[in-house]
Amino acid sequence: MSKEAKYEKKFSNRVKRTMFTDEMKKDYTILVPDMLPIHFKLIISVYESYGYHMELLTNRSREVVDEGLKNTHNDTCYPALLVMGQFMEALKSGRYDVNKVALLISQTGGGCRASNYIHLIRKAISTEFPQVPVLSLNFSGLEPDASIEMTLPIIIKLIYCVLYGDMLMTLYNQCKPYEINEGDTDKMLDRWQKRLGKLFSTSKDYTSTKRIYRAILKDFATIPRTKEKKPRVGIVGEIYVKYSPLANNDLNNFLISEGCEPNVPGLLDFILYFVRNCQNEKEIYDKKSALTPAYDIAYRIMHKAQRDQIEVMNEQGEFFPPHDFDHMSALADKYMHQGVKMGEGWLITAEMAALAESGTENIICTQPFGCLPNHIVAKGMSRVIKAAYPNANIVAIDYDPGATKVNQENRIKLMLANAKRP
């Protein structure tokens, strides 16, 4: 019996879906939702070196929200609505051959409903586009019959994508607000994304992280910048809305236009948070599995990679590095238990405390509709962080289909007025 026949038999009582086969790789375009543009472009370059053709969706029109509202129920969280809307808008737009296109969605495998987006997407497209396969990108063994290729070499490259993506995002935010010649920072970012993409496909030089870090730092340091000191504004919150320009109404660029320097914690922090939670299964709940030793090894490797990045940035001295995750988790321990792990859980507290402690006292907490853990933790702990750091200037901004961009920006401007006050 073929793989497709076995699959059809196993899931005969569920929404009918189309399998993505190896033969489809050369002809199909795989659409990727817009969450982390810098990181995802690197990830796309990795998969293109293995014969896949991917495209990052960038449509941020109201039509995306409307499609999401039409194709999800009213209890769906805002990130799910936007991902659904972006996919449906793309399929209906005429820009793609719907008989030669597939969709890719990531799954964390945690308690967040994000792990179930894939089922909502399949149900939504089953009527109009039943021929479109929906693939999963995950490290948790979910969707074994519909996961995109995830070999050890690919996993290793994806980890490096996170490391380099975090550095590029950090340097972009520290250069863009101060550039003298408009567009210099964007050109440098584009240059390094292309250069790293070639490294991933042509050699193993991408593993020489310290050498590449130094080269990236050297190039970004050549960008002519003003000596002006602008207020730093941290962005924390639910992972999708924190990073996605579609979800947060291009918050990063809005802050730059308002004379601020955005400070966004890296994606590696979220991955380390996820791994730490897996370790805590043993420490807190006495739940040990065959994977427990692997989580310990993974944490040590990735945390060392983070420390290497911090070391090189401190050595260079012109840009400030990310926070050490061990220090962040220690800060979180002062205010809440690491057993609070649903959604972004204790990570939000850790990020707010680390930002406030290191001088980024102005913090925006992005809150999407329908993300209960985020609302409870972020709003509950912001008062505690303010008590610990009296100068902390924290504002929670709600993002949902009914929230207007003008209202969101006005609330942020009010917060910035306090930030710029002598």
Protein backbone atom coordinates (compact mmCIF):
# COMPACT_ATOMS: atom_id res chain seq x y z
CA MET A 1 0.00 0.00 0.00
CA SER A 2 1.38 3.42 -0.96
CA LYS A 3 2.07 6.17 1.56
CA GLU A 4 -0.85 8.17 0.18
CA ALA A 5 -3.23 5.18 0.47
CA LYS A 6 -2.17 4.47 4.06
CA TYR A 7 -2.65 8.12 4.89
CA GLU A 8 -6.10 8.18 3.26
CA LYS A 9 -7.17 5.12 5.24
CA LYS A 10 -5.83 6.48 8.53
CA PHE A 11 -7.53 9.86 8.20
CA SER A 12 -10.63 8.87 6.25
CA ASN A 13 -12.93 10.51 8.81
CA ARG A 14 -11.12 13.86 8.75
CA VAL A 15 -10.88 16.77 6.34
CA LYS A 16 -9.59 15.49 3.03
CA ARG A 17 -6.10 16.75 2.30
CA THR A 18 -3.54 16.53 -0.42
CA MET A 19 -0.16 14.99 0.29
CA PHE A 20 3.04 16.79 -0.68
CA THR A 21 5.37 14.35 -2.44
CA ASP A 22 9.04 14.57 -3.39
CA GLU A 23 8.04 14.86 -7.03
CA MET A 24 6.25 18.13 -6.27
CA LYS A 25 9.41 19.88 -5.06
CA LYS A 26 10.58 20.98 -8.49
CA ASP A 27 7.22 22.40 -9.63
CA TYR A 28 5.51 23.71 -6.50
CA THR A 29 5.83 27.08 -4.78
CA ILE A 30 5.56 26.83 -1.00
CA LEU A 31 4.04 29.94 0.59
CA VAL A 32 5.43 31.05 3.96
CA PRO A 33 3.53 33.43 6.30
CA ASP A 34 5.11 36.74 7.24
CA MET A 35 6.38 36.50 10.83
CA LEU A 36 10.15 37.11 10.98
CA PRO A 37 11.15 38.55 7.58
CA ILE A 38 14.90 38.57 8.30
CA HIS A 39 15.05 35.06 9.75
CA PHE A 40 12.56 33.53 7.33
CA LYS A 41 14.50 34.72 4.28
CA LEU A 42 17.52 32.84 5.61
CA ILE A 43 15.40 29.75 6.29
CA ILE A 44 13.98 29.95 2.76
CA SER A 45 17.51 30.05 1.35
CA VAL A 46 18.36 26.85 3.26
CA TYR A 47 15.39 24.97 1.85
CA GLU A 48 16.01 26.29 -1.65
CA SER A 49 19.44 24.62 -1.49
CA TYR A 50 17.55 21.32 -1.02
CA GLY A 51 15.40 21.83 -4.10
CA TYR A 52 12.37 23.58 -2.60
CA HIS A 53 10.98 26.81 -3.99
CA MET A 54 9.53 29.03 -1.26
CA GLU A 55 8.09 32.52 -1.18
CA LEU A 56 7.57 34.80 1.82
CA LEU A 57 4.12 36.39 1.77
CA THR A 58 4.26 40.14 2.33
CA ASN A 59 0.70 41.34 1.69
CA ARG A 60 -0.39 43.47 4.66
CA SER A 61 -3.62 44.89 3.30
CA ARG A 62 -7.00 44.94 5.07
CA GLU A 63 -8.04 42.17 2.70
CA VAL A 64 -5.83 39.77 4.69
CA VAL A 65 -7.76 40.52 7.90
CA ASP A 66 -11.10 40.23 6.11
CA GLU A 67 -10.19 36.82 4.67
CA GLY A 68 -9.11 35.70 8.11
CA LEU A 69 -12.43 36.80 9.62
CA LYS A 70 -14.36 34.96 6.93
CA ASN A 71 -12.47 31.71 7.35
CA THR A 72 -12.02 31.37 11.13
CA HIS A 73 -14.46 31.32 14.04
CA ASN A 74 -14.75 34.24 16.47
CA ASP A 75 -12.76 32.53 19.23
CA THR A 76 -9.63 32.18 17.11
CA CYS A 77 -6.62 34.16 18.24
CA TYR A 78 -5.46 37.08 16.12
CA PRO A 79 -2.21 35.43 14.90
CA ALA A 80 -4.17 32.43 13.58
CA LEU A 81 -6.63 34.77 11.87
CA LEU A 82 -3.82 36.64 10.12
CA VAL A 83 -1.98 33.52 8.97
CA MET A 84 -5.23 32.12 7.61
CA GLY A 85 -6.08 35.42 5.96
CA GLN A 86 -2.68 35.76 4.33
CA PHE A 87 -2.90 32.25 2.88
CA MET A 88 -6.47 32.68 1.61
CA GLU A 89 -5.73 36.08 0.08
CA ALA A 90 -2.74 34.61 -1.74
CA LEU A 91 -4.70 31.62 -3.06
CA LYS A 92 -7.55 33.84 -4.30
CA SER A 93 -5.32 36.58 -5.74
CA GLY A 94 -4.49 34.93 -9.05
CA ARG A 95 -0.77 35.44 -8.41
CA TYR A 96 -0.23 31.69 -8.05
CA ASP A 97 -1.22 28.52 -9.87
CA VAL A 98 -3.33 26.90 -7.16
CA ASN A 99 -2.55 23.50 -8.68
CA LYS A 100 1.17 24.09 -8.12
CA VAL A 101 1.23 25.72 -4.70
CA ALA A 102 1.56 24.50 -1.09
CA LEU A 103 1.33 26.20 2.30
CA LEU A 104 3.85 25.98 5.16
CA ILE A 105 3.05 26.64 8.81
CA SER A 106 5.27 26.23 11.89
CA GLN A 107 4.15 24.31 14.98
CA THR A 108 5.73 24.64 18.42
CA GLY A 109 4.10 21.61 19.96
CA GLY A 110 3.47 23.43 23.25
CA GLY A 111 0.26 24.39 25.00
CA CYS A 112 -0.39 27.33 22.65
CA ARG A 113 -3.19 26.90 20.10
CA ALA A 114 -0.63 27.77 17.42
CA SER A 115 0.11 24.05 17.20
CA ASN A 116 -3.43 23.57 15.89
CA TYR A 117 -3.44 26.31 13.25
CA ILE A 118 -2.64 23.67 10.65
CA HIS A 119 -6.00 21.95 11.15
CA LEU A 120 -7.88 25.25 10.84
CA ILE A 121 -6.02 26.04 7.63
CA ARG A 122 -6.81 22.64 6.12
CA LYS A 123 -10.47 23.01 6.99
CA ALA A 124 -10.65 26.52 5.52
CA ILE A 125 -9.10 25.59 2.18
CA SER A 126 -10.86 22.21 1.86
CA THR A 127 -13.87 23.67 0.03
CA GLU A 128 -12.22 25.99 -2.48
CA PHE A 129 -8.68 24.64 -2.70
CA PRO A 130 -8.70 20.96 -1.65
CA GLN A 131 -5.77 20.28 -3.98
CA VAL A 132 -3.40 22.52 -1.98
CA PRO A 133 -1.11 20.63 0.45
CA VAL A 134 -0.45 22.12 3.89
CA LEU A 135 2.97 21.35 5.36
CA SER A 136 4.26 21.60 8.92
CA LEU A 137 7.64 22.90 10.06
CA ASN A 138 8.26 21.60 13.57
CA PHE A 139 10.85 19.97 15.82
CA SER A 140 8.31 18.05 17.92
CA GLY A 141 7.45 15.15 15.64
CA LEU A 142 4.01 16.58 14.84
CA GLU A 143 2.32 15.85 11.50
CA PRO A 144 4.72 13.03 10.58
CA ASP A 145 2.90 12.46 7.27
CA ALA A 146 2.87 16.13 6.33
CA SER A 147 6.07 17.63 7.70
CA ILE A 148 8.52 19.33 5.45
CA GLU A 149 11.92 17.63 5.22
CA MET A 150 13.73 17.91 8.55
CA THR A 151 17.04 16.06 8.47
CA LEU A 152 19.88 16.65 10.94
CA PRO A 153 21.88 18.80 8.44
CA ILE A 154 18.79 20.94 7.83
CA ILE A 155 18.11 21.31 11.57
CA ILE A 156 21.69 22.43 12.13
CA LYS A 157 21.41 25.02 9.35
CA LEU A 158 18.11 26.30 10.75
CA ILE A 159 19.77 26.89 14.13
CA TYR A 160 22.45 28.95 12.39
CA CYS A 161 19.67 30.85 10.59
CA VAL A 162 18.33 31.84 14.02
CA LEU A 163 21.78 32.93 15.24
CA TYR A 164 22.56 35.04 12.18
CA GLY A 165 18.98 36.30 11.91
CA ASP A 166 19.10 37.54 15.50
CA MET A 167 22.37 39.37 14.91
CA LEU A 168 21.15 40.99 11.69
CA MET A 169 17.91 42.08 13.37
CA THR A 170 19.81 43.50 16.35
CA LEU A 171 22.30 45.43 14.21
CA TYR A 172 19.57 46.68 11.88
CA ASN A 173 17.68 48.17 14.82
CA GLN A 174 20.83 49.77 16.20
CA CYS A 175 21.82 51.33 12.85
CA LYS A 176 18.58 52.22 11.05
CA PRO A 177 17.43 54.98 13.45
CA TYR A 178 20.80 56.74 13.14
CA GLU A 179 21.76 56.29 9.46
CA ILE A 180 22.83 59.48 7.70
CA ASN A 181 22.24 58.20 4.19
CA GLU A 182 18.72 56.83 3.92
CA GLY A 183 18.64 53.19 2.86
CA ASP A 184 22.22 52.27 3.84
CA THR A 185 21.07 49.90 6.58
CA ASP A 186 18.56 48.16 4.33
CA LYS A 187 21.23 47.65 1.66
CA MET A 188 23.63 46.19 4.20
CA LEU A 189 20.94 43.86 5.54
CA ASP A 190 20.07 42.68 2.03
CA ARG A 191 23.74 42.13 1.21
CA TRP A 192 24.29 39.92 4.24
CA GLN A 193 21.08 37.95 3.75
CA LYS A 194 22.22 37.07 0.22
CA ARG A 195 25.76 36.32 1.35
CA LEU A 196 24.59 34.01 4.15
CA GLY A 197 22.15 32.34 1.77
CA LYS A 198 25.04 31.46 -0.53
CA LEU A 199 27.10 30.16 2.40
CA PHE A 200 24.30 27.82 3.42
CA SER A 201 24.07 26.36 -0.08
CA THR A 202 27.71 26.20 -1.20
CA SER A 203 29.93 25.39 1.79
CA LYS A 204 30.25 24.66 5.49
CA ASP A 205 31.79 28.06 6.18
CA TYR A 206 28.53 29.11 7.83
CA THR A 207 29.65 27.20 10.94
CA SER A 208 32.52 29.67 11.50
CA THR A 209 30.26 31.85 13.60
CA LYS A 210 32.79 34.08 15.33
CA ARG A 211 34.51 34.93 12.05
CA ILE A 212 31.18 35.69 10.39
CA TYR A 213 29.96 37.68 13.41
CA ARG A 214 33.07 39.86 13.21
CA ALA A 215 32.60 40.37 9.47
CA ILE A 216 28.94 41.36 9.96
CA LEU A 217 29.82 43.74 12.79
CA LYS A 218 32.63 45.30 10.76
CA ASP A 219 30.33 45.94 7.79
CA PHE A 220 27.48 47.41 9.83
CA ALA A 221 29.96 49.62 11.68
CA THR A 222 30.87 51.26 8.34
CA ILE A 223 27.35 52.68 7.97
CA PRO A 224 27.57 56.47 8.55
CA ARG A 225 25.46 57.25 11.62
CA THR A 226 24.65 60.25 13.73
CA LYS A 227 25.85 60.51 17.33
CA GLU A 228 22.36 61.42 18.50
CA LYS A 229 21.05 59.52 21.52
CA LYS A 230 17.51 58.28 21.01
CA PRO A 231 15.24 56.53 23.51
CA ARG A 232 15.31 52.76 23.26
CA VAL A 233 11.96 51.00 23.18
CA GLY A 234 11.73 47.28 23.88
CA ILE A 235 9.13 45.12 22.14
CA VAL A 236 7.95 42.00 23.97
CA GLY A 237 4.81 39.86 23.97
CA GLU A 238 3.29 37.01 21.99
CA ILE A 239 5.85 35.72 19.51
CA TYR A 240 3.91 36.30 16.27
CA VAL A 241 2.67 39.79 17.08
CA LYS A 242 6.05 40.76 18.57
CA TYR A 243 7.88 40.07 15.32
CA SER A 244 5.38 40.20 12.45
CA PRO A 245 5.02 43.57 10.66
CA LEU A 246 1.60 42.40 9.47
CA ALA A 247 0.39 41.67 13.01
CA ASN A 248 1.82 44.73 14.80
CA ASN A 249 1.16 47.27 12.03
CA ASP A 250 4.88 47.60 11.27
CA LEU A 251 5.64 48.61 14.85
CA ASN A 252 9.41 48.47 14.36
CA ASN A 253 9.42 51.05 11.57
CA PHE A 254 6.81 53.17 13.34
CA LEU A 255 9.11 53.48 16.37
CA ILE A 256 12.01 54.46 14.09
CA SER A 257 9.83 57.10 12.42
CA GLU A 258 9.01 58.47 15.87
CA GLY A 259 12.69 59.00 16.69
CA CYS A 260 13.23 55.84 18.74
CA GLU A 261 15.55 52.85 18.63
CA PRO A 262 13.66 49.53 18.76
CA ASN A 263 15.12 46.81 20.96
CA VAL A 264 13.61 43.43 20.10
CA PRO A 265 14.77 40.27 21.92
CA GLY A 266 15.96 37.57 19.53
CA LEU A 267 14.24 34.40 18.39
CA LEU A 268 16.94 32.30 20.09
CA ASP A 269 15.52 33.39 23.46
CA PHE A 270 12.18 31.83 22.54
CA ILE A 271 13.86 28.59 21.42
CA LEU A 272 15.94 28.42 24.62
CA TYR A 273 12.75 29.10 26.58
CA PHE A 274 11.07 26.17 24.83
CA VAL A 275 14.03 23.86 25.53
CA ARG A 276 14.23 25.03 29.17
CA ASN A 277 10.56 24.18 29.58
CA CYS A 278 11.26 20.68 28.27
CA GLN A 279 14.05 20.37 30.83
CA ASN A 280 11.67 21.60 33.53
CA GLU A 281 9.39 18.64 32.81
CA LYS A 282 11.98 16.61 34.69
CA GLU A 283 12.90 19.21 37.33
CA ILE A 284 9.42 20.45 38.21
CA TYR A 285 7.04 17.64 37.29
CA ASP A 286 9.37 14.63 37.61
CA LYS A 287 8.44 13.73 34.04
CA LYS A 288 11.47 12.24 32.36
CA SER A 289 11.55 10.91 28.79
CA ALA A 290 14.07 9.46 26.39
CA LEU A 291 14.51 12.97 24.98
CA THR A 292 15.46 14.57 28.29
CA PRO A 293 19.24 14.12 27.79
CA ALA A 294 18.88 15.50 24.26
CA TYR A 295 17.23 18.67 25.61
CA ASP A 296 20.11 19.14 28.05
CA ILE A 297 22.64 18.83 25.21
CA ALA A 298 20.64 21.11 22.92
CA TYR A 299 20.41 23.78 25.61
CA ARG A 300 24.15 23.73 26.29
CA ILE A 301 24.99 23.98 22.58
CA MET A 302 22.59 26.83 21.82
CA HIS A 303 23.37 28.74 25.00
CA LYS A 304 27.08 28.54 24.20
CA ALA A 305 26.30 29.89 20.71
CA GLN A 306 24.48 32.81 22.33
CA ARG A 307 27.41 33.48 24.68
CA ASP A 308 29.80 33.43 21.70
CA GLN A 309 27.70 36.10 20.00
CA ILE A 310 27.65 38.21 23.17
CA GLU A 311 31.42 37.82 23.54
CA VAL A 312 32.16 38.93 19.97
CA MET A 313 29.81 41.92 20.21
CA ASN A 314 31.36 43.00 23.51
CA GLU A 315 34.80 42.58 21.97
CA GLN A 316 33.84 44.80 19.03
CA GLY A 317 32.33 47.33 21.43
CA GLU A 318 30.26 49.44 19.03
CA PHE A 319 26.93 47.63 19.41
CA PHE A 320 25.21 46.25 22.51
CA PRO A 321 24.63 42.47 22.56
CA PRO A 322 21.56 40.39 23.43
CA HIS A 323 20.91 39.33 27.00
CA ASP A 324 22.36 36.08 28.32
CA PHE A 325 19.46 33.66 28.64
CA ASP A 326 20.65 32.20 31.94
CA HIS A 327 20.62 35.69 33.40
CA MET A 328 17.15 36.34 31.96
CA SER A 329 15.73 33.17 33.51
CA ALA A 330 17.29 34.13 36.86
CA LEU A 331 15.56 37.50 36.64
CA ALA A 332 12.23 35.80 35.91
CA ASP A 333 12.70 33.60 38.98
CA LYS A 334 12.49 36.70 41.15
CA TYR A 335 8.90 37.32 40.11
CA MET A 336 7.27 34.08 38.97
CA HIS A 337 7.71 30.32 38.77
CA GLN A 338 9.07 28.68 35.63
CA GLY A 339 6.13 26.29 35.78
CA VAL A 340 4.13 29.10 34.12
CA LYS A 341 4.99 27.99 30.61
CA MET A 342 1.86 28.26 28.46
CA GLY A 343 2.36 30.52 25.47
CA GLU A 344 5.27 32.84 26.19
CA GLY A 345 4.72 32.32 29.93
CA TRP A 346 7.63 33.39 32.10
CA LEU A 347 9.66 34.50 29.07
CA ILE A 348 7.68 37.75 28.87
CA THR A 349 8.58 38.54 32.48
CA ALA A 350 12.22 37.65 31.84
CA GLU A 351 12.39 39.91 28.78
CA MET A 352 10.74 42.88 30.51
CA ALA A 353 13.01 42.56 33.54
CA ALA A 354 16.16 42.19 31.40
CA LEU A 355 15.24 45.21 29.26
CA ALA A 356 14.47 47.40 32.28
CA GLU A 357 17.62 46.31 34.09
CA SER A 358 19.87 47.06 31.09
CA GLY A 359 18.51 50.56 30.47
CA THR A 360 15.69 49.93 27.98
CA GLU A 361 13.04 51.22 30.34
CA ASN A 362 10.40 51.93 27.69
CA ILE A 363 8.64 48.68 26.83
CA ILE A 364 5.71 47.86 24.56
CA CYS A 365 3.98 44.57 25.28
CA THR A 366 2.13 43.36 22.19
CA GLN A 367 -1.12 41.62 23.13
CA PRO A 368 -3.09 39.73 20.45
CA PHE A 369 -6.78 39.00 20.80
CA GLY A 370 -7.44 35.49 22.06
CA CYS A 371 -4.03 34.83 23.62
CA LEU A 372 -5.10 34.26 27.21
CA PRO A 373 -1.69 33.31 28.71
CA ASN A 374 -0.12 36.40 27.19
CA HIS A 375 -2.73 38.73 28.63
CA ILE A 376 -2.58 37.17 32.08
CA VAL A 377 1.20 37.09 32.38
CA ALA A 378 2.08 40.31 30.59
CA LYS A 379 -0.53 42.54 32.22
CA GLY A 380 -0.18 40.81 35.55
CA MET A 381 3.59 41.09 35.72
CA SER A 382 4.04 44.57 34.24
CA ARG A 383 2.97 46.10 37.57
CA VAL A 384 5.52 43.93 39.40
CA ILE A 385 8.28 44.97 36.99
CA LYS A 386 7.33 48.63 37.43
CA ALA A 387 7.57 48.21 41.19
CA ALA A 388 11.05 46.68 40.86
CA TYR A 389 12.19 49.27 38.29
CA PRO A 390 10.42 52.56 39.12
CA ASN A 391 11.55 54.20 35.87
CA ALA A 392 10.06 51.43 33.73
CA ASN A 393 7.57 52.85 31.23
CA ILE A 394 5.47 49.85 30.13
CA VAL A 395 2.39 49.93 27.92
CA ALA A 396 0.28 47.00 26.69
CA ILE A 397 -1.08 47.39 23.17
CA ASP A 398 -3.95 45.18 22.02
CA TYR A 399 -3.93 43.87 18.45
CA ASP A 400 -7.15 42.45 17.02
CA PRO A 401 -9.36 42.82 13.92
CA GLY A 402 -11.33 45.66 15.47
CA ALA A 403 -8.42 47.69 16.85
CA THR A 404 -7.54 50.67 14.68
CA LYS A 405 -3.96 51.49 13.80
CA VAL A 406 -4.58 55.12 14.77
CA ASN A 407 -5.68 54.17 18.28
CA GLN A 408 -2.68 51.88 18.74
CA GLU A 409 -0.24 54.52 17.52
CA ASN A 410 -1.80 57.21 19.69
CA ARG A 411 -1.32 55.04 22.80
CA ILE A 412 2.29 54.41 21.79
CA LYS A 413 2.86 58.14 21.19
CA LEU A 414 1.56 58.87 24.68
CA MET A 415 4.06 56.38 26.08
CA LEU A 416 6.83 57.92 23.98
CA ALA A 417 5.95 61.39 25.25
CA ASN A 418 6.89 60.15 28.72
CA ALA A 419 9.99 58.44 27.34
CA LYS A 420 11.30 61.67 25.78
CA ARG A 421 10.48 63.85 28.79
CA PRO A 422 13.69 65.23 30.39
